[in-house]
């Protein structure tokens, strides 16, 4: 009788490791630094969006099609960066939860 694929595959040992808070010192400092970097990124995106919208308007009113296109592109990139920065926590939490379901 031939062996099935499940009988021939040997799974690696499960180390049983999961994220645990309080294991290393400095976790609160690291969270504070990452939160500050996220805030800095959001403030920078607000500035980039304002500049991009200004370039878009300037290009539109002066007939500079290249400036108008670059302003549109900058506005879209800034909006995407704002979306990513704002959703970073949720994205990581989602994929971390998905990763715990892999066996």
C-alpha atoms as a PDB file:
ATOM      1  CA  UNK A   1       0.000   0.000   0.000  1.00  0.00           C
ATOM      2  CA  UNK A   2       1.547   3.357  -1.011  1.00  0.00           C
ATOM      3  CA  UNK A   3       2.226   5.941   1.695  1.00  0.00           C
ATOM      4  CA  UNK A   4       0.270   9.188   1.580  1.00  0.00           C
ATOM      5  CA  UNK A   5       2.000  12.550   1.485  1.00  0.00           C
ATOM      6  CA  UNK A   6       0.970  13.261   5.091  1.00  0.00           C
ATOM      7  CA  UNK A   7       2.780  10.077   6.215  1.00  0.00           C
ATOM      8  CA  UNK A   8       5.975  11.046   4.388  1.00  0.00           C
ATOM      9  CA  UNK A   9       6.222  14.665   5.633  1.00  0.00           C
ATOM     10  CA  UNK A  10       8.052  15.190   8.907  1.00  0.00           C
ATOM     11  CA  UNK A  11       7.126  18.411  10.673  1.00  0.00           C
ATOM     12  CA  UNK A  12       9.739  20.399  12.556  1.00  0.00           C
ATOM     13  CA  UNK A  13       9.648  20.660  16.325  1.00  0.00           C
ATOM     14  CA  UNK A  14       7.306  23.407  17.598  1.00  0.00           C
ATOM     15  CA  UNK A  15       9.377  25.629  19.926  1.00  0.00           C
ATOM     16  CA  UNK A  16       6.204  27.056  21.530  1.00  0.00           C
ATOM     17  CA  UNK A  17       7.377  30.677  21.442  1.00  0.00           C
ATOM     18  CA  UNK A  18       4.863  33.516  21.523  1.00  0.00           C
ATOM     19  CA  UNK A  19       5.181  37.264  22.111  1.00  0.00           C
ATOM     20  CA  UNK A  20       5.276  38.131  25.812  1.00  0.00           C
ATOM     21  CA  UNK A  21       5.315  41.566  27.331  1.00  0.00           C
ATOM     22  CA  UNK A  22       7.725  42.318  30.162  1.00  0.00           C
ATOM     23  CA  UNK A  23      10.471  39.907  29.145  1.00  0.00           C
ATOM     24  CA  UNK A  24      13.133  42.508  28.416  1.00  0.00           C
ATOM     25  CA  UNK A  25      13.822  45.894  29.951  1.00  0.00           C
ATOM     26  CA  UNK A  26      13.256  48.978  27.838  1.00  0.00           C
ATOM     27  CA  UNK A  27      10.056  47.886  26.109  1.00  0.00           C
ATOM     28  CA  UNK A  28       8.211  51.012  27.234  1.00  0.00           C
ATOM     29  CA  UNK A  29      11.062  53.168  25.914  1.00  0.00           C
ATOM     30  CA  UNK A  30      10.983  51.367  22.560  1.00  0.00           C
ATOM     31  CA  UNK A  31       7.202  51.829  22.313  1.00  0.00           C
ATOM     32  CA  UNK A  32       7.644  55.528  23.080  1.00  0.00           C
ATOM     33  CA  UNK A  33      10.335  55.902  20.391  1.00  0.00           C
ATOM     34  CA  UNK A  34       8.267  54.095  17.756  1.00  0.00           C
ATOM     35  CA  UNK A  35       5.194  56.174  18.620  1.00  0.00           C
ATOM     36  CA  UNK A  36       7.268  59.344  18.274  1.00  0.00           C
ATOM     37  CA  UNK A  37       8.643  58.220  14.906  1.00  0.00           C
ATOM     38  CA  UNK A  38       5.076  57.513  13.749  1.00  0.00           C
ATOM     39  CA  UNK A  39       3.968  60.986  14.868  1.00  0.00           C
ATOM     40  CA  UNK A  40       6.956  62.569  13.118  1.00  0.00           C
ATOM     41  CA  UNK A  41       6.006  60.709   9.932  1.00  0.00           C
ATOM     42  CA  UNK A  42       2.414  61.905  10.129  1.00  0.00           C
ATOM     43  CA  UNK A  43       3.531  65.527  10.615  1.00  0.00           C
ATOM     44  CA  UNK A  44       5.928  65.193   7.655  1.00  0.00           C
ATOM     45  CA  UNK A  45       3.101  63.789   5.506  1.00  0.00           C
ATOM     46  CA  UNK A  46       0.905  66.775   6.353  1.00  0.00           C
ATOM     47  CA  UNK A  47       3.684  69.073   5.109  1.00  0.00           C
ATOM     48  CA  UNK A  48       4.261  66.987   1.991  1.00  0.00           C
ATOM     49  CA  UNK A  49       0.548  66.988   1.214  1.00  0.00           C
ATOM     50  CA  UNK A  50       0.329  70.761   1.601  1.00  0.00           C
ATOM     51  CA  UNK A  51       3.320  71.296  -0.691  1.00  0.00           C
ATOM     52  CA  UNK A  52       2.005  68.810  -3.263  1.00  0.00           C
ATOM     53  CA  UNK A  53      -1.405  70.469  -3.343  1.00  0.00           C
ATOM     54  CA  UNK A  54       0.282  73.844  -3.778  1.00  0.00           C
ATOM     55  CA  UNK A  55       2.386  72.549  -6.677  1.00  0.00           C
ATOM     56  CA  UNK A  56      -0.719  71.007  -8.227  1.00  0.00           C
ATOM     57  CA  UNK A  57      -2.624  74.301  -8.017  1.00  0.00           C
ATOM     58  CA  UNK A  58       0.369  76.339  -9.241  1.00  0.00           C
ATOM     59  CA  UNK A  59       0.865  73.999 -12.207  1.00  0.00           C
ATOM     60  CA  UNK A  60      -2.819  74.128 -13.075  1.00  0.00           C
ATOM     61  CA  UNK A  61      -3.039  77.920 -13.018  1.00  0.00           C
ATOM     62  CA  UNK A  62       0.215  78.540 -14.892  1.00  0.00           C
ATOM     63  CA  UNK A  63      -0.308  75.872 -17.527  1.00  0.00           C
ATOM     64  CA  UNK A  64       2.682  73.842 -16.292  1.00  0.00           C
ATOM     65  CA  UNK A  65       1.462  70.353 -17.071  1.00  0.00           C
ATOM     66  CA  UNK A  66       4.562  68.697 -15.619  1.00  0.00           C
ATOM     67  CA  UNK A  67       4.183  70.576 -12.324  1.00  0.00           C
ATOM     68  CA  UNK A  68       0.487  69.745 -12.226  1.00  0.00           C
ATOM     69  CA  UNK A  69       1.195  66.053 -12.782  1.00  0.00           C
ATOM     70  CA  UNK A  70       3.916  66.039 -10.125  1.00  0.00           C
ATOM     71  CA  UNK A  71       1.583  67.768  -7.681  1.00  0.00           C
ATOM     72  CA  UNK A  72      -1.096  65.143  -8.271  1.00  0.00           C
ATOM     73  CA  UNK A  73       1.443  62.376  -7.862  1.00  0.00           C
ATOM     74  CA  UNK A  74       2.743  63.903  -4.630  1.00  0.00           C
ATOM     75  CA  UNK A  75      -0.770  64.293  -3.262  1.00  0.00           C
ATOM     76  CA  UNK A  76      -1.554  60.639  -3.948  1.00  0.00           C
ATOM     77  CA  UNK A  77       1.716  59.446  -2.438  1.00  0.00           C
ATOM     78  CA  UNK A  78       1.148  61.621   0.633  1.00  0.00           C
ATOM     79  CA  UNK A  79      -2.374  60.272   1.049  1.00  0.00           C
ATOM     80  CA  UNK A  80      -1.070  56.717   0.751  1.00  0.00           C
ATOM     81  CA  UNK A  81       1.663  57.393   3.295  1.00  0.00           C
ATOM     82  CA  UNK A  82      -0.907  58.858   5.699  1.00  0.00           C
ATOM     83  CA  UNK A  83      -3.061  55.759   5.233  1.00  0.00           C
ATOM     84  CA  UNK A  84      -0.103  53.477   5.904  1.00  0.00           C
ATOM     85  CA  UNK A  85       1.070  55.390   8.971  1.00  0.00           C
ATOM     86  CA  UNK A  86      -2.402  55.532  10.431  1.00  0.00           C
ATOM     87  CA  UNK A  87      -3.112  51.874   9.769  1.00  0.00           C
ATOM     88  CA  UNK A  88       0.323  50.528  10.735  1.00  0.00           C
ATOM     89  CA  UNK A  89      -0.818  49.242  14.112  1.00  0.00           C
ATOM     90  CA  UNK A  90      -3.869  47.518  12.653  1.00  0.00           C
ATOM     91  CA  UNK A  91      -1.928  46.020   9.729  1.00  0.00           C
ATOM     92  CA  UNK A  92       0.708  44.521  12.024  1.00  0.00           C
ATOM     93  CA  UNK A  93      -1.957  43.245  14.436  1.00  0.00           C
ATOM     94  CA  UNK A  94      -3.915  41.674  11.565  1.00  0.00           C
ATOM     95  CA  UNK A  95      -0.949  39.820  10.082  1.00  0.00           C
ATOM     96  CA  UNK A  96       0.332  38.837  13.517  1.00  0.00           C
ATOM     97  CA  UNK A  97      -3.057  37.255  14.252  1.00  0.00           C
ATOM     98  CA  UNK A  98      -2.991  35.546  10.853  1.00  0.00           C
ATOM     99  CA  UNK A  99       0.494  34.226  11.630  1.00  0.00           C
ATOM    100  CA  UNK A 100      -0.694  32.578  14.827  1.00  0.00           C
ATOM    101  CA  UNK A 101      -3.120  30.485  12.767  1.00  0.00           C
ATOM    102  CA  UNK A 102      -0.341  28.888  10.690  1.00  0.00           C
ATOM    103  CA  UNK A 103       0.381  25.366  11.913  1.00  0.00           C
END
